[in-house]
Amino acid sequence: MWEDSGEEGSPLVRWSEFADAFMDHFLPAKTKSAHATEFENLKQGNKSVWEYHMVFAHLSKYVIHMMPTMEARMHGFVQGLSPLVINEAATTALNSNMNYGKMVAFFQATETRKLKNMMEQEGSSKARSAGNPGDSFGGGRSAFRGGSSGPSQSFVQSSASAQPSGPSQ
């Protein structure tokens, strides 16, 4: 239908022009505007890189004019990433061999690696503190160290000196 509606001998239509015309025809302006606003405010937040990518890809269909090139798409994606992967994102996005798909895969791997490292660090710090419960009390000295299960020596000495010596009658 699109081709038939054009004039004879007119140049081929670019995909972005067709997509805009399609969206204008089948999608109410209010819905398109709401999706555009949602896209402009999109951040990764608590979503994984993959979840963020899926929302980004879904909403980007409504704002084709905002991302006319692959560089613009990559820049938009990077802008919404969480601080967990943002440093690697900035460097990677500058790589001339990087496309959007490779970039998403790279950020997923980066996120997975960093979360794994954080969990390992958290686990090892919990293990250190759980391994020696006395370390958090009394400046690192524990009643469980030294092998004595009875009262401290100073308590025994003061108790002994308070009791009368010899038999009492």
Protein backbone atom coordinates (compact mmCIF):
# COMPACT_ATOMS: atom_id res chain seq x y z
CA MET A 1 0.00 0.00 0.00
CA TRP A 2 2.83 2.38 0.85
CA GLU A 3 4.54 1.87 -2.48
CA ASP A 4 1.25 2.21 -4.37
CA SER A 5 0.45 5.52 -2.68
CA GLY A 6 3.68 7.13 -3.89
CA GLU A 7 4.10 8.91 -7.17
CA GLU A 8 5.59 7.07 -10.10
CA GLY A 9 9.34 7.59 -10.34
CA SER A 10 9.66 8.94 -6.79
CA PRO A 11 12.76 7.86 -4.86
CA LEU A 12 12.56 4.94 -2.48
CA VAL A 13 11.45 5.79 1.02
CA ARG A 14 13.93 5.39 3.88
CA TRP A 15 12.99 3.03 6.68
CA SER A 16 12.82 5.82 9.25
CA GLU A 17 10.32 7.72 7.08
CA PHE A 18 8.16 4.62 6.69
CA ALA A 19 8.36 3.85 10.43
CA ASP A 20 7.34 7.42 11.32
CA ALA A 21 4.40 7.31 8.92
CA PHE A 22 3.35 3.89 10.23
CA MET A 23 3.50 5.05 13.86
CA ASP A 24 1.60 8.23 13.05
CA HIS A 25 -1.12 6.25 11.32
CA PHE A 26 -1.58 3.41 13.83
CA LEU A 27 -0.52 4.86 17.18
CA PRO A 28 -2.44 7.64 18.92
CA ALA A 29 -0.36 10.78 19.49
CA LYS A 30 -1.04 10.66 23.23
CA THR A 31 0.34 7.13 23.52
CA LYS A 32 3.35 7.99 21.37
CA SER A 33 4.06 11.04 23.53
CA ALA A 34 3.78 9.02 26.74
CA HIS A 35 6.24 6.42 25.43
CA ALA A 36 8.63 9.15 24.29
CA THR A 37 8.57 10.73 27.76
CA GLU A 38 9.11 7.34 29.38
CA PHE A 39 12.07 6.74 27.06
CA GLU A 40 13.63 10.12 27.82
CA ASN A 41 13.46 9.38 31.57
CA LEU A 42 14.58 5.75 31.29
CA LYS A 43 17.33 4.67 33.71
CA GLN A 44 18.62 1.20 34.54
CA GLY A 45 17.95 1.62 38.25
CA ASN A 46 17.47 -1.80 39.88
CA LYS A 47 17.01 -3.60 36.56
CA SER A 48 19.70 -5.89 35.18
CA VAL A 49 21.47 -4.77 32.02
CA TRP A 50 19.32 -7.23 30.05
CA GLU A 51 16.06 -5.97 31.55
CA TYR A 52 17.14 -2.38 30.91
CA HIS A 53 18.04 -3.28 27.30
CA MET A 54 14.61 -4.87 26.75
CA VAL A 55 12.78 -1.76 27.99
CA PHE A 56 15.16 0.48 26.03
CA ALA A 57 14.59 -1.50 22.82
CA HIS A 58 10.81 -1.51 23.32
CA LEU A 59 10.54 2.22 23.98
CA SER A 60 13.07 3.21 21.33
CA LYS A 61 10.60 2.13 18.66
CA TYR A 62 8.52 5.16 19.58
CA VAL A 63 11.36 7.65 19.28
CA ILE A 64 13.14 6.66 16.08
CA HIS A 65 13.77 10.33 15.30
CA MET A 66 15.79 10.67 18.52
CA MET A 67 18.27 7.97 17.46
CA PRO A 68 18.98 8.31 13.76
CA THR A 69 22.39 6.57 13.98
CA MET A 70 23.95 3.64 15.82
CA GLU A 71 26.16 6.09 17.73
CA ALA A 72 23.08 7.97 18.96
CA ARG A 73 21.46 4.68 20.04
CA MET A 74 24.57 3.60 21.91
CA HIS A 75 24.92 7.03 23.54
CA GLY A 76 21.28 6.92 24.68
CA PHE A 77 21.72 3.44 26.12
CA VAL A 78 24.90 4.38 28.00
CA GLN A 79 23.26 7.50 29.47
CA GLY A 80 20.77 5.37 31.40
CA LEU A 81 23.16 2.75 32.79
CA SER A 82 23.72 2.33 36.51
CA PRO A 83 26.98 3.38 38.20
CA LEU A 84 27.90 -0.31 38.47
CA VAL A 85 28.86 -0.47 34.79
CA ILE A 86 29.01 3.17 33.69
CA ASN A 87 32.82 3.51 33.71
CA GLU A 88 33.28 0.54 31.39
CA ALA A 89 30.36 1.79 29.32
CA ALA A 90 31.95 5.13 28.58
CA THR A 91 35.20 3.53 27.46
CA THR A 92 33.57 0.75 25.47
CA ALA A 93 31.13 3.03 23.66
CA LEU A 94 34.10 4.90 22.24
CA ASN A 95 35.47 1.73 20.65
CA SER A 96 34.96 2.00 16.89
CA ASN A 97 34.40 -1.75 16.52
CA MET A 98 31.53 -1.76 18.99
CA ASN A 99 27.91 -1.99 17.88
CA TYR A 100 24.79 -1.93 20.01
CA GLY A 101 24.47 -5.71 20.35
CA LYS A 102 28.11 -6.21 21.29
CA MET A 103 27.84 -3.33 23.75
CA VAL A 104 24.83 -4.84 25.53
CA ALA A 105 26.60 -8.22 25.76
CA PHE A 106 29.74 -6.54 27.13
CA PHE A 107 27.77 -4.66 29.79
CA GLN A 108 25.92 -7.82 30.79
CA ALA A 109 29.23 -9.61 31.29
CA THR A 110 30.63 -6.61 33.20
CA GLU A 111 27.57 -6.47 35.45
CA THR A 112 27.72 -10.22 36.12
CA ARG A 113 31.44 -10.05 36.94
CA LYS A 114 31.04 -7.08 39.26
CA LEU A 115 28.04 -8.56 41.08
CA LYS A 116 29.94 -11.84 41.52
CA ASN A 117 32.96 -9.96 42.91
CA MET A 118 30.75 -7.97 45.27
CA MET A 119 29.07 -11.17 46.52
CA GLU A 120 32.44 -12.86 47.01
CA GLN A 121 33.78 -9.86 48.93
CA GLU A 122 30.63 -9.71 51.02
CA GLY A 123 30.87 -13.44 51.70
CA SER A 124 34.53 -13.31 52.68
CA SER A 125 33.98 -10.35 55.01
CA LYS A 126 31.08 -12.19 56.65
CA ALA A 127 33.25 -15.29 56.96
CA ARG A 128 36.03 -13.29 58.61
CA SER A 129 33.68 -11.76 61.16
CA ALA A 130 31.83 -15.05 61.75
CA GLY A 131 35.09 -16.98 62.06
CA ASN A 132 36.16 -15.05 65.18
CA PRO A 133 33.13 -13.71 67.04
CA GLY A 134 35.25 -12.27 69.86
CA ASP A 135 36.98 -9.83 67.53
CA SER A 136 34.07 -7.46 67.64
CA PHE A 137 34.06 -7.26 71.44
CA GLY A 138 36.64 -5.90 73.88
CA GLY A 139 39.28 -4.76 71.41
CA GLY A 140 39.79 -8.15 69.86
CA ARG A 141 40.21 -10.16 73.05
CA SER A 142 37.83 -13.02 73.53
CA ALA A 143 36.88 -14.97 76.62
CA PHE A 144 37.05 -18.05 74.41
CA ARG A 145 40.77 -17.57 73.80
CA GLY A 146 43.33 -18.89 76.24
CA GLY A 147 41.50 -22.09 77.09
CA SER A 148 39.96 -20.89 80.36
CA SER A 149 36.28 -21.55 80.80
CA GLY A 150 36.08 -20.23 84.36
CA PRO A 151 35.99 -16.73 85.77
CA SER A 152 38.86 -14.37 85.10
CA GLN A 153 41.91 -14.46 87.35
CA SER A 154 41.25 -11.01 88.79
CA PHE A 155 37.71 -12.06 89.79
CA VAL A 156 39.06 -15.22 91.48
CA GLN A 157 41.73 -13.20 93.35
CA SER A 158 39.32 -10.56 94.63
CA SER A 159 36.82 -13.20 95.72
CA ALA A 160 39.47 -15.14 97.60
CA SER A 161 40.70 -12.09 99.50
CA ALA A 162 37.16 -11.16 100.57
CA GLN A 163 36.52 -14.53 102.24
CA PRO A 164 37.74 -15.06 105.81
CA SER A 165 40.78 -17.24 106.17
CA GLY A 166 40.72 -20.33 108.27
CA PRO A 167 37.76 -22.26 109.65
CA SER A 168 35.04 -20.29 111.26
CA GLN A 169 33.07 -21.56 114.20
